[in-house]
Amino acid sequence: MSIELYERQMKLAEVGESGQLLIGRASFSVAADASGEIEIEYLRRAGAGAEIASDSDADAFAHAGEFRFPASRQVAEGAWRALAKLRGVVL
């Protein structure tokens, strides 16, 4: 992993260099649902490994009711689930 790629997120107090190293070592299974592709993209761009797993259950998206359109909800859900996974690694 080229740590320079993640320079911006390492500036976050929650991440830092040590957190980025933890993210780079992490690998996640992502549910094969509508927001799974979004989630996997966020995880990979953060530097983590990720793959779709048909046997992986998705966490319930607590804010689903706030979105009028399915596409917007799917993007938000994928980002929310990815962030939850990344927080679990660095916090």
PDB file of N, CA and C in Angstrom:
ATOM      1  N   MET A   1       0.846  -1.179   0.000  1.00  0.00           N
ATOM      2  CA  MET A   1       0.000   0.000   0.000  1.00  0.00           C
ATOM      3  C   MET A   1       0.888   1.238   0.000  1.00  0.00           C
ATOM      4  N   SER A   2       0.639   2.105  -0.945  1.00  0.00           N
ATOM      5  CA  SER A   2       1.355   3.368  -1.001  1.00  0.00           C
ATOM      6  C   SER A   2       0.651   4.366  -0.084  1.00  0.00           C
ATOM      7  N   ILE A   3       1.247   4.635   1.039  1.00  0.00           N
ATOM      8  CA  ILE A   3       0.616   5.477   2.065  1.00  0.00           C
ATOM      9  C   ILE A   3       0.370   6.905   1.582  1.00  0.00           C
ATOM     10  N   GLU A   4       1.142   7.355   0.585  1.00  0.00           N
ATOM     11  CA  GLU A   4       0.960   8.710   0.065  1.00  0.00           C
ATOM     12  C   GLU A   4      -0.422   8.904  -0.572  1.00  0.00           C
ATOM     13  N   LEU A   5      -1.004   7.837  -1.077  1.00  0.00           N
ATOM     14  CA  LEU A   5      -2.340   7.926  -1.681  1.00  0.00           C
ATOM     15  C   LEU A   5      -3.393   8.373  -0.668  1.00  0.00           C
ATOM     16  N   TYR A   6      -3.138   8.139   0.586  1.00  0.00           N
ATOM     17  CA  TYR A   6      -4.129   8.380   1.629  1.00  0.00           C
ATOM     18  C   TYR A   6      -3.747   9.552   2.536  1.00  0.00           C
ATOM     19  N   GLU A   7      -2.925  10.438   2.021  1.00  0.00           N
ATOM     20  CA  GLU A   7      -2.415  11.566   2.791  1.00  0.00           C
ATOM     21  C   GLU A   7      -3.545  12.426   3.371  1.00  0.00           C
ATOM     22  N   ARG A   8      -4.565  12.689   2.586  1.00  0.00           N
ATOM     23  CA  ARG A   8      -5.670  13.543   3.057  1.00  0.00           C
ATOM     24  C   ARG A   8      -6.410  12.919   4.226  1.00  0.00           C
ATOM     25  N   GLN A   9      -6.735  11.628   4.133  1.00  0.00           N
ATOM     26  CA  GLN A   9      -7.476  11.025   5.235  1.00  0.00           C
ATOM     27  C   GLN A   9      -6.594  10.792   6.460  1.00  0.00           C
ATOM     28  N   MET A  10      -5.299  10.717   6.270  1.00  0.00           N
ATOM     29  CA  MET A  10      -4.403  10.583   7.416  1.00  0.00           C
ATOM     30  C   MET A  10      -4.336  11.872   8.220  1.00  0.00           C
ATOM     31  N   LYS A  11      -4.756  12.981   7.612  1.00  0.00           N
ATOM     32  CA  LYS A  11      -4.793  14.250   8.342  1.00  0.00           C
ATOM     33  C   LYS A  11      -5.942  14.283   9.354  1.00  0.00           C
ATOM     34  N   LEU A  12      -6.890  13.401   9.200  1.00  0.00           N
ATOM     35  CA  LEU A  12      -7.996  13.319  10.156  1.00  0.00           C
ATOM     36  C   LEU A  12      -7.482  12.769  11.479  1.00  0.00           C
ATOM     37  N   ALA A  13      -7.860  13.404  12.554  1.00  0.00           N
ATOM     38  CA  ALA A  13      -7.402  12.974  13.880  1.00  0.00           C
ATOM     39  C   ALA A  13      -7.805  11.524  14.164  1.00  0.00           C
ATOM     40  N   GLU A  14      -8.956  11.118  13.636  1.00  0.00           N
ATOM     41  CA  GLU A  14      -9.454   9.759  13.877  1.00  0.00           C
ATOM     42  C   GLU A  14      -8.648   8.698  13.140  1.00  0.00           C
ATOM     43  N   VAL A  15      -7.911   9.101  12.094  1.00  0.00           N
ATOM     44  CA  VAL A  15      -7.193   8.134  11.269  1.00  0.00           C
ATOM     45  C   VAL A  15      -5.699   8.199  11.561  1.00  0.00           C
ATOM     46  N   GLY A  16      -5.039   9.250  11.112  1.00  0.00           N
ATOM     47  CA  GLY A  16      -3.592   9.362  11.304  1.00  0.00           C
ATOM     48  C   GLY A  16      -2.863   8.264  10.546  1.00  0.00           C
ATOM     49  N   GLU A  17      -1.562   8.250  10.661  1.00  0.00           N
ATOM     50  CA  GLU A  17      -0.760   7.251   9.961  1.00  0.00           C
ATOM     51  C   GLU A  17      -1.001   5.849  10.512  1.00  0.00           C
ATOM     52  N   SER A  18      -1.100   5.739  11.823  1.00  0.00           N
ATOM     53  CA  SER A  18      -1.309   4.409  12.414  1.00  0.00           C
ATOM     54  C   SER A  18      -2.670   3.840  12.030  1.00  0.00           C
ATOM     55  N   GLY A  19      -3.690   4.684  11.997  1.00  0.00           N
ATOM     56  CA  GLY A  19      -5.012   4.231  11.583  1.00  0.00           C
ATOM     57  C   GLY A  19      -5.034   3.809  10.131  1.00  0.00           C
ATOM     58  N   GLN A  20      -4.313   4.546   9.279  1.00  0.00           N
ATOM     59  CA  GLN A  20      -4.261   4.185   7.868  1.00  0.00           C
ATOM     60  C   GLN A  20      -3.585   2.840   7.673  1.00  0.00           C
ATOM     61  N   LEU A  21      -2.574   2.564   8.463  1.00  0.00           N
ATOM     62  CA  LEU A  21      -1.929   1.251   8.384  1.00  0.00           C
ATOM     63  C   LEU A  21      -2.907   0.146   8.788  1.00  0.00           C
ATOM     64  N   LEU A  22      -3.732   0.405   9.797  1.00  0.00           N
ATOM     65  CA  LEU A  22      -4.751  -0.572  10.209  1.00  0.00           C
ATOM     66  C   LEU A  22      -5.786  -0.770   9.105  1.00  0.00           C
ATOM     67  N   ILE A  23      -6.208   0.317   8.484  1.00  0.00           N
ATOM     68  CA  ILE A  23      -7.168   0.222   7.387  1.00  0.00           C
ATOM     69  C   ILE A  23      -6.578  -0.592   6.242  1.00  0.00           C
ATOM     70  N   GLY A  24      -5.319  -0.344   5.927  1.00  0.00           N
ATOM     71  CA  GLY A  24      -4.654  -1.062   4.843  1.00  0.00           C
ATOM     72  C   GLY A  24      -4.538  -2.548   5.084  1.00  0.00           C
ATOM     73  N   ARG A  25      -4.533  -2.959   6.324  1.00  0.00           N
ATOM     74  CA  ARG A  25      -4.453  -4.386   6.673  1.00  0.00           C
ATOM     75  C   ARG A  25      -5.826  -5.034   6.774  1.00  0.00           C
ATOM     76  N   ALA A  26      -6.875  -4.225   6.803  1.00  0.00           N
ATOM     77  CA  ALA A  26      -8.232  -4.734   7.001  1.00  0.00           C
ATOM     78  C   ALA A  26      -8.817  -5.278   5.700  1.00  0.00           C
ATOM     79  N   SER A  27      -9.666  -6.264   5.853  1.00  0.00           N
ATOM     80  CA  SER A  27     -10.397  -6.825   4.725  1.00  0.00           C
ATOM     81  C   SER A  27     -11.818  -7.108   5.189  1.00  0.00           C
ATOM     82  N   PHE A  28     -12.782  -6.746   4.361  1.00  0.00           N
ATOM     83  CA  PHE A  28     -14.181  -6.844   4.755  1.00  0.00           C
ATOM     84  C   PHE A  28     -14.991  -7.648   3.747  1.00  0.00           C
ATOM     85  N   SER A  29     -16.020  -8.306   4.263  1.00  0.00           N
ATOM     86  CA  SER A  29     -17.032  -8.934   3.433  1.00  0.00           C
ATOM     87  C   SER A  29     -18.228  -8.000   3.405  1.00  0.00           C
ATOM     88  N   VAL A  30     -18.774  -7.810   2.229  1.00  0.00           N
ATOM     89  CA  VAL A  30     -19.864  -6.865   2.029  1.00  0.00           C
ATOM     90  C   VAL A  30     -21.077  -7.624   1.506  1.00  0.00           C
ATOM     91  N   ALA A  31     -22.242  -7.258   2.000  1.00  0.00           N
ATOM     92  CA  ALA A  31     -23.474  -7.914   1.569  1.00  0.00           C
ATOM     93  C   ALA A  31     -23.725  -7.685   0.085  1.00  0.00           C
ATOM     94  N   ALA A  32     -24.272  -8.700  -0.557  1.00  0.00           N
ATOM     95  CA  ALA A  32     -24.591  -8.621  -1.980  1.00  0.00           C
ATOM     96  C   ALA A  32     -25.981  -8.027  -2.156  1.00  0.00           C
ATOM     97  N   ASP A  33     -26.109  -6.750  -1.864  1.00  0.00           N
ATOM     98  CA  ASP A  33     -27.385  -6.075  -2.044  1.00  0.00           C
ATOM     99  C   ASP A  33     -27.169  -4.805  -2.848  1.00  0.00           C
ATOM    100  N   ALA A  34     -28.204  -4.014  -2.997  1.00  0.00           N
ATOM    101  CA  ALA A  34     -28.145  -2.835  -3.870  1.00  0.00           C
ATOM    102  C   ALA A  34     -27.078  -1.835  -3.466  1.00  0.00           C
ATOM    103  N   SER A  35     -26.810  -1.692  -2.185  1.00  0.00           N
ATOM    104  CA  SER A  35     -25.813  -0.714  -1.750  1.00  0.00           C
ATOM    105  C   SER A  35     -24.422  -1.333  -1.553  1.00  0.00           C
ATOM    106  N   GLY A  36     -24.304  -2.631  -1.759  1.00  0.00           N
ATOM    107  CA  GLY A  36     -23.025  -3.314  -1.560  1.00  0.00           C
ATOM    108  C   GLY A  36     -21.916  -2.809  -2.461  1.00  0.00           C
ATOM    109  N   GLU A  37     -22.234  -2.515  -3.714  1.00  0.00           N
ATOM    110  CA  GLU A  37     -21.209  -2.010  -4.637  1.00  0.00           C
ATOM    111  C   GLU A  37     -20.692  -0.645  -4.194  1.00  0.00           C
ATOM    112  N   ILE A  38     -21.570   0.181  -3.668  1.00  0.00           N
ATOM    113  CA  ILE A  38     -21.160   1.494  -3.144  1.00  0.00           C
ATOM    114  C   ILE A  38     -20.250   1.296  -1.941  1.00  0.00           C
ATOM    115  N   GLU A  39     -20.668   0.426  -1.043  1.00  0.00           N
ATOM    116  CA  GLU A  39     -19.877   0.158   0.162  1.00  0.00           C
ATOM    117  C   GLU A  39     -18.485  -0.349  -0.191  1.00  0.00           C
ATOM    118  N   ILE A  40     -18.415  -1.268  -1.111  1.00  0.00           N
ATOM    119  CA  ILE A  40     -17.128  -1.841  -1.491  1.00  0.00           C
ATOM    120  C   ILE A  40     -16.218  -0.778  -2.105  1.00  0.00           C
ATOM    121  N   GLU A  41     -16.798   0.120  -2.869  1.00  0.00           N
ATOM    122  CA  GLU A  41     -16.008   1.196  -3.485  1.00  0.00           C
ATOM    123  C   GLU A  41     -15.432   2.129  -2.417  1.00  0.00           C
ATOM    124  N   TYR A  42     -16.238   2.494  -1.441  1.00  0.00           N
ATOM    125  CA  TYR A  42     -15.749   3.346  -0.354  1.00  0.00           C
ATOM    126  C   TYR A  42     -14.628   2.656   0.419  1.00  0.00           C
ATOM    127  N   LEU A  43     -14.796   1.392   0.721  1.00  0.00           N
ATOM    128  CA  LEU A  43     -13.771   0.661   1.476  1.00  0.00           C
ATOM    129  C   LEU A  43     -12.468   0.563   0.692  1.00  0.00           C
ATOM    130  N   ARG A  44     -12.563   0.243  -0.571  1.00  0.00           N
ATOM    131  CA  ARG A  44     -11.350   0.125  -1.395  1.00  0.00           C
ATOM    132  C   ARG A  44     -10.643   1.467  -1.549  1.00  0.00           C
ATOM    133  N   ARG A  45     -11.428   2.524  -1.738  1.00  0.00           N
ATOM    134  CA  ARG A  45     -10.809   3.849  -1.879  1.00  0.00           C
ATOM    135  C   ARG A  45     -10.182   4.326  -0.572  1.00  0.00           C
ATOM    136  N   ALA A  46     -10.647   3.810   0.543  1.00  0.00           N
ATOM    137  CA  ALA A  46     -10.033   4.142   1.826  1.00  0.00           C
ATOM    138  C   ALA A  46      -8.752   3.348   2.051  1.00  0.00           C
ATOM    139  N   GLY A  47      -8.548   2.288   1.242  1.00  0.00           N
ATOM    140  CA  GLY A  47      -7.335   1.492   1.358  1.00  0.00           C
ATOM    141  C   GLY A  47      -7.551   0.105   1.904  1.00  0.00           C
ATOM    142  N   ALA A  48      -8.784  -0.258   2.226  1.00  0.00           N
ATOM    143  CA  ALA A  48      -9.087  -1.581   2.783  1.00  0.00           C
ATOM    144  C   ALA A  48      -9.383  -2.567   1.667  1.00  0.00           C
ATOM    145  N   GLY A  49      -9.249  -3.828   1.995  1.00  0.00           N
ATOM    146  CA  GLY A  49      -9.673  -4.872   1.077  1.00  0.00           C
ATOM    147  C   GLY A  49     -11.156  -5.132   1.295  1.00  0.00           C
ATOM    148  N   ALA A  50     -11.865  -5.453   0.231  1.00  0.00           N
ATOM    149  CA  ALA A  50     -13.299  -5.715   0.350  1.00  0.00           C
ATOM    150  C   ALA A  50     -13.748  -6.608  -0.784  1.00  0.00           C
ATOM    151  N   GLU A  51     -14.718  -7.452  -0.466  1.00  0.00           N
ATOM    152  CA  GLU A  51     -15.295  -8.328  -1.481  1.00  0.00           C
ATOM    153  C   GLU A  51     -16.757  -8.585  -1.160  1.00  0.00           C
ATOM    154  N   ILE A  52     -17.523  -8.833  -2.201  1.00  0.00           N
ATOM    155  CA  ILE A  52     -18.935  -9.176  -2.043  1.00  0.00           C
ATOM    156  C   ILE A  52     -19.017 -10.616  -1.557  1.00  0.00           C
ATOM    157  N   ALA A  53     -19.817 -10.843  -0.544  1.00  0.00           N
ATOM    158  CA  ALA A  53     -20.035 -12.185  -0.020  1.00  0.00           C
ATOM    159  C   ALA A  53     -21.536 -12.415   0.115  1.00  0.00           C
ATOM    160  N   SER A  54     -22.040 -13.401  -0.589  1.00  0.00           N
ATOM    161  CA  SER A  54     -23.478 -13.637  -0.590  1.00  0.00           C
ATOM    162  C   SER A  54     -23.993 -14.051   0.783  1.00  0.00           C
ATOM    163  N   ASP A  55     -23.124 -14.554   1.638  1.00  0.00           N
ATOM    164  CA  ASP A  55     -23.569 -14.975   2.965  1.00  0.00           C
ATOM    165  C   ASP A  55     -23.396 -13.885   4.025  1.00  0.00           C
ATOM    166  N   SER A  56     -22.978 -12.697   3.615  1.00  0.00           N
ATOM    167  CA  SER A  56     -22.790 -11.585   4.543  1.00  0.00           C
ATOM    168  C   SER A  56     -24.096 -10.813   4.690  1.00  0.00           C
ATOM    169  N   ASP A  57     -24.497 -10.567   5.929  1.00  0.00           N
ATOM    170  CA  ASP A  57     -25.712  -9.802   6.198  1.00  0.00           C
ATOM    171  C   ASP A  57     -25.390  -8.326   6.304  1.00  0.00           C
ATOM    172  N   ALA A  58     -26.250  -7.513   5.736  1.00  0.00           N
ATOM    173  CA  ALA A  58     -26.073  -6.060   5.799  1.00  0.00           C
ATOM    174  C   ALA A  58     -26.625  -5.527   7.101  1.00  0.00           C
ATOM    175  N   ASP A  59     -25.930  -4.553   7.681  1.00  0.00           N
ATOM    176  CA  ASP A  59     -26.453  -3.858   8.849  1.00  0.00           C
ATOM    177  C   ASP A  59     -27.663  -3.039   8.427  1.00  0.00           C
ATOM    178  N   ALA A  60     -28.651  -2.947   9.298  1.00  0.00           N
ATOM    179  CA  ALA A  60     -29.838  -2.144   8.993  1.00  0.00           C
ATOM    180  C   ALA A  60     -29.443  -0.674   8.894  1.00  0.00           C
ATOM    181  N   PHE A  61     -29.943   0.007   7.891  1.00  0.00           N
ATOM    182  CA  PHE A  61     -29.652   1.423   7.669  1.00  0.00           C
ATOM    183  C   PHE A  61     -30.695   2.247   8.408  1.00  0.00           C
ATOM    184  N   ALA A  62     -30.289   2.823   9.505  1.00  0.00           N
ATOM    185  CA  ALA A  62     -31.201   3.541  10.394  1.00  0.00           C
ATOM    186  C   ALA A  62     -31.835   4.773   9.748  1.00  0.00           C
ATOM    187  N   HIS A  63     -31.249   5.301   8.710  1.00  0.00           N
ATOM    188  CA  HIS A  63     -31.718   6.545   8.108  1.00  0.00           C
ATOM    189  C   HIS A  63     -32.448   6.339   6.780  1.00  0.00           C
ATOM    190  N   ALA A  64     -32.796   5.115   6.462  1.00  0.00           N
ATOM    191  CA  ALA A  64     -33.419   4.804   5.176  1.00  0.00           C
ATOM    192  C   ALA A  64     -34.674   5.629   4.924  1.00  0.00           C
ATOM    193  N   GLY A  65     -35.463   5.874   5.936  1.00  0.00           N
ATOM    194  CA  GLY A  65     -36.699   6.619   5.794  1.00  0.00           C
ATOM    195  C   GLY A  65     -36.520   8.079   5.432  1.00  0.00           C
ATOM    196  N   GLU A  66     -35.319   8.578   5.541  1.00  0.00           N
ATOM    197  CA  GLU A  66     -35.045   9.985   5.243  1.00  0.00           C
ATOM    198  C   GLU A  66     -34.839  10.248   3.753  1.00  0.00           C
ATOM    199  N   PHE A  67     -34.769   9.190   2.953  1.00  0.00           N
ATOM    200  CA  PHE A  67     -34.463   9.334   1.536  1.00  0.00           C
ATOM    201  C   PHE A  67     -35.690   9.054   0.677  1.00  0.00           C
ATOM    202  N   ARG A  68     -35.975   9.970  -0.209  1.00  0.00           N
ATOM    203  CA  ARG A  68     -37.141   9.864  -1.075  1.00  0.00           C
ATOM    204  C   ARG A  68     -36.899   8.916  -2.247  1.00  0.00           C
ATOM    205  N   PHE A  69     -35.693   8.934  -2.782  1.00  0.00           N
ATOM    206  CA  PHE A  69     -35.396   8.155  -3.977  1.00  0.00           C
ATOM    207  C   PHE A  69     -34.487   6.972  -3.643  1.00  0.00           C
ATOM    208  N   PRO A  70     -34.784   5.804  -4.199  1.00  0.00           N
ATOM    209  CA  PRO A  70     -33.988   4.611  -3.908  1.00  0.00           C
ATOM    210  C   PRO A  70     -32.498   4.760  -4.216  1.00  0.00           C
ATOM    211  N   ALA A  71     -32.148   5.394  -5.321  1.00  0.00           N
ATOM    212  CA  ALA A  71     -30.731   5.530  -5.678  1.00  0.00           C
ATOM    213  C   ALA A  71     -29.972   6.346  -4.637  1.00  0.00           C
ATOM    214  N   SER A  72     -30.572   7.417  -4.156  1.00  0.00           N
ATOM    215  CA  SER A  72     -29.932   8.238  -3.122  1.00  0.00           C
ATOM    216  C   SER A  72     -29.771   7.451  -1.830  1.00  0.00           C
ATOM    217  N   ARG A  73     -30.803   6.685  -1.484  1.00  0.00           N
ATOM    218  CA  ARG A  73     -30.747   5.873  -0.277  1.00  0.00           C
ATOM    219  C   ARG A  73     -29.656   4.819  -0.381  1.00  0.00           C
ATOM    220  N   GLN A  74     -29.511   4.197  -1.545  1.00  0.00           N
ATOM    221  CA  GLN A  74     -28.492   3.163  -1.726  1.00  0.00           C
ATOM    222  C   GLN A  74     -27.079   3.724  -1.585  1.00  0.00           C
ATOM    223  N   VAL A  75     -26.841   4.904  -2.151  1.00  0.00           N
ATOM    224  CA  VAL A  75     -25.519   5.535  -2.013  1.00  0.00           C
ATOM    225  C   VAL A  75     -25.250   5.868  -0.552  1.00  0.00           C
ATOM    226  N   ALA A  76     -26.226   6.470   0.115  1.00  0.00           N
ATOM    227  CA  ALA A  76     -26.057   6.825   1.526  1.00  0.00           C
ATOM    228  C   ALA A  76     -25.856   5.590   2.382  1.00  0.00           C
ATOM    229  N   GLU A  77     -26.612   4.538   2.099  1.00  0.00           N
ATOM    230  CA  GLU A  77     -26.488   3.304   2.874  1.00  0.00           C
ATOM    231  C   GLU A  77     -25.118   2.664   2.697  1.00  0.00           C
ATOM    232  N   GLY A  78     -24.632   2.620   1.466  1.00  0.00           N
ATOM    233  CA  GLY A  78     -23.309   2.049   1.219  1.00  0.00           C
ATOM    234  C   GLY A  78     -22.217   2.838   1.916  1.00  0.00           C
ATOM    235  N   ALA A  79     -22.305   4.162   1.851  1.00  0.00           N
ATOM    236  CA  ALA A  79     -21.312   5.014   2.516  1.00  0.00           C
ATOM    237  C   ALA A  79     -21.388   4.847   4.032  1.00  0.00           C
ATOM    238  N   TRP A  80     -22.600   4.796   4.572  1.00  0.00           N
ATOM    239  CA  TRP A  80     -22.806   4.662   6.017  1.00  0.00           C
ATOM    240  C   TRP A  80     -22.232   3.339   6.530  1.00  0.00           C
ATOM    241  N   ARG A  81     -22.499   2.252   5.805  1.00  0.00           N
ATOM    242  CA  ARG A  81     -21.987   0.945   6.226  1.00  0.00           C
ATOM    243  C   ARG A  81     -20.466   0.885   6.120  1.00  0.00           C
ATOM    244  N   ALA A  82     -19.901   1.475   5.063  1.00  0.00           N
ATOM    245  CA  ALA A  82     -18.447   1.498   4.924  1.00  0.00           C
ATOM    246  C   ALA A  82     -17.807   2.279   6.068  1.00  0.00           C
ATOM    247  N   LEU A  83     -18.381   3.435   6.370  1.00  0.00           N
ATOM    248  CA  LEU A  83     -17.850   4.236   7.479  1.00  0.00           C
ATOM    249  C   LEU A  83     -17.901   3.494   8.805  1.00  0.00           C
ATOM    250  N   ALA A  84     -18.975   2.778   9.041  1.00  0.00           N
ATOM    251  CA  ALA A  84     -19.089   1.997  10.278  1.00  0.00           C
ATOM    252  C   ALA A  84     -17.987   0.949  10.366  1.00  0.00           C
ATOM    253  N   LYS A  85     -17.696   0.303   9.258  1.00  0.00           N
ATOM    254  CA  LYS A  85     -16.628  -0.698   9.246  1.00  0.00           C
ATOM    255  C   LYS A  85     -15.268  -0.071   9.474  1.00  0.00           C
ATOM    256  N   LEU A  86     -15.030   1.074   8.824  1.00  0.00           N
ATOM    257  CA  LEU A  86     -13.742   1.745   8.987  1.00  0.00           C
ATOM    258  C   LEU A  86     -13.554   2.261  10.411  1.00  0.00           C
ATOM    259  N   ARG A  87     -14.613   2.779  10.999  1.00  0.00           N
ATOM    260  CA  ARG A  87     -14.531   3.232  12.405  1.00  0.00           C
ATOM    261  C   ARG A  87     -14.167   2.073  13.322  1.00  0.00           C
ATOM    262  N   GLY A  88     -14.719   0.913  13.034  1.00  0.00           N
ATOM    263  CA  GLY A  88     -14.410  -0.273  13.842  1.00  0.00           C
ATOM    264  C   GLY A  88     -12.942  -0.646  13.811  1.00  0.00           C
ATOM    265  N   VAL A  89     -12.262  -0.273  12.746  1.00  0.00           N
ATOM    266  CA  VAL A  89     -10.842  -0.589  12.610  1.00  0.00           C
ATOM    267  C   VAL A  89      -9.980   0.446  13.328  1.00  0.00           C
ATOM    268  N   VAL A  90     -10.312   1.715  13.188  1.00  0.00           N
ATOM    269  CA  VAL A  90      -9.421   2.761  13.702  1.00  0.00           C
ATOM    270  C   VAL A  90      -9.787   3.280  15.094  1.00  0.00           C
ATOM    271  N   LEU A  91     -10.996   3.059  15.549  1.00  0.00           N
ATOM    272  CA  LEU A  91     -11.371   3.576  16.877  1.00  0.00           C
ATOM    273  C   LEU A  91     -11.388   2.497  17.924  1.00  0.00           C
TER     274      LEU A  91
END
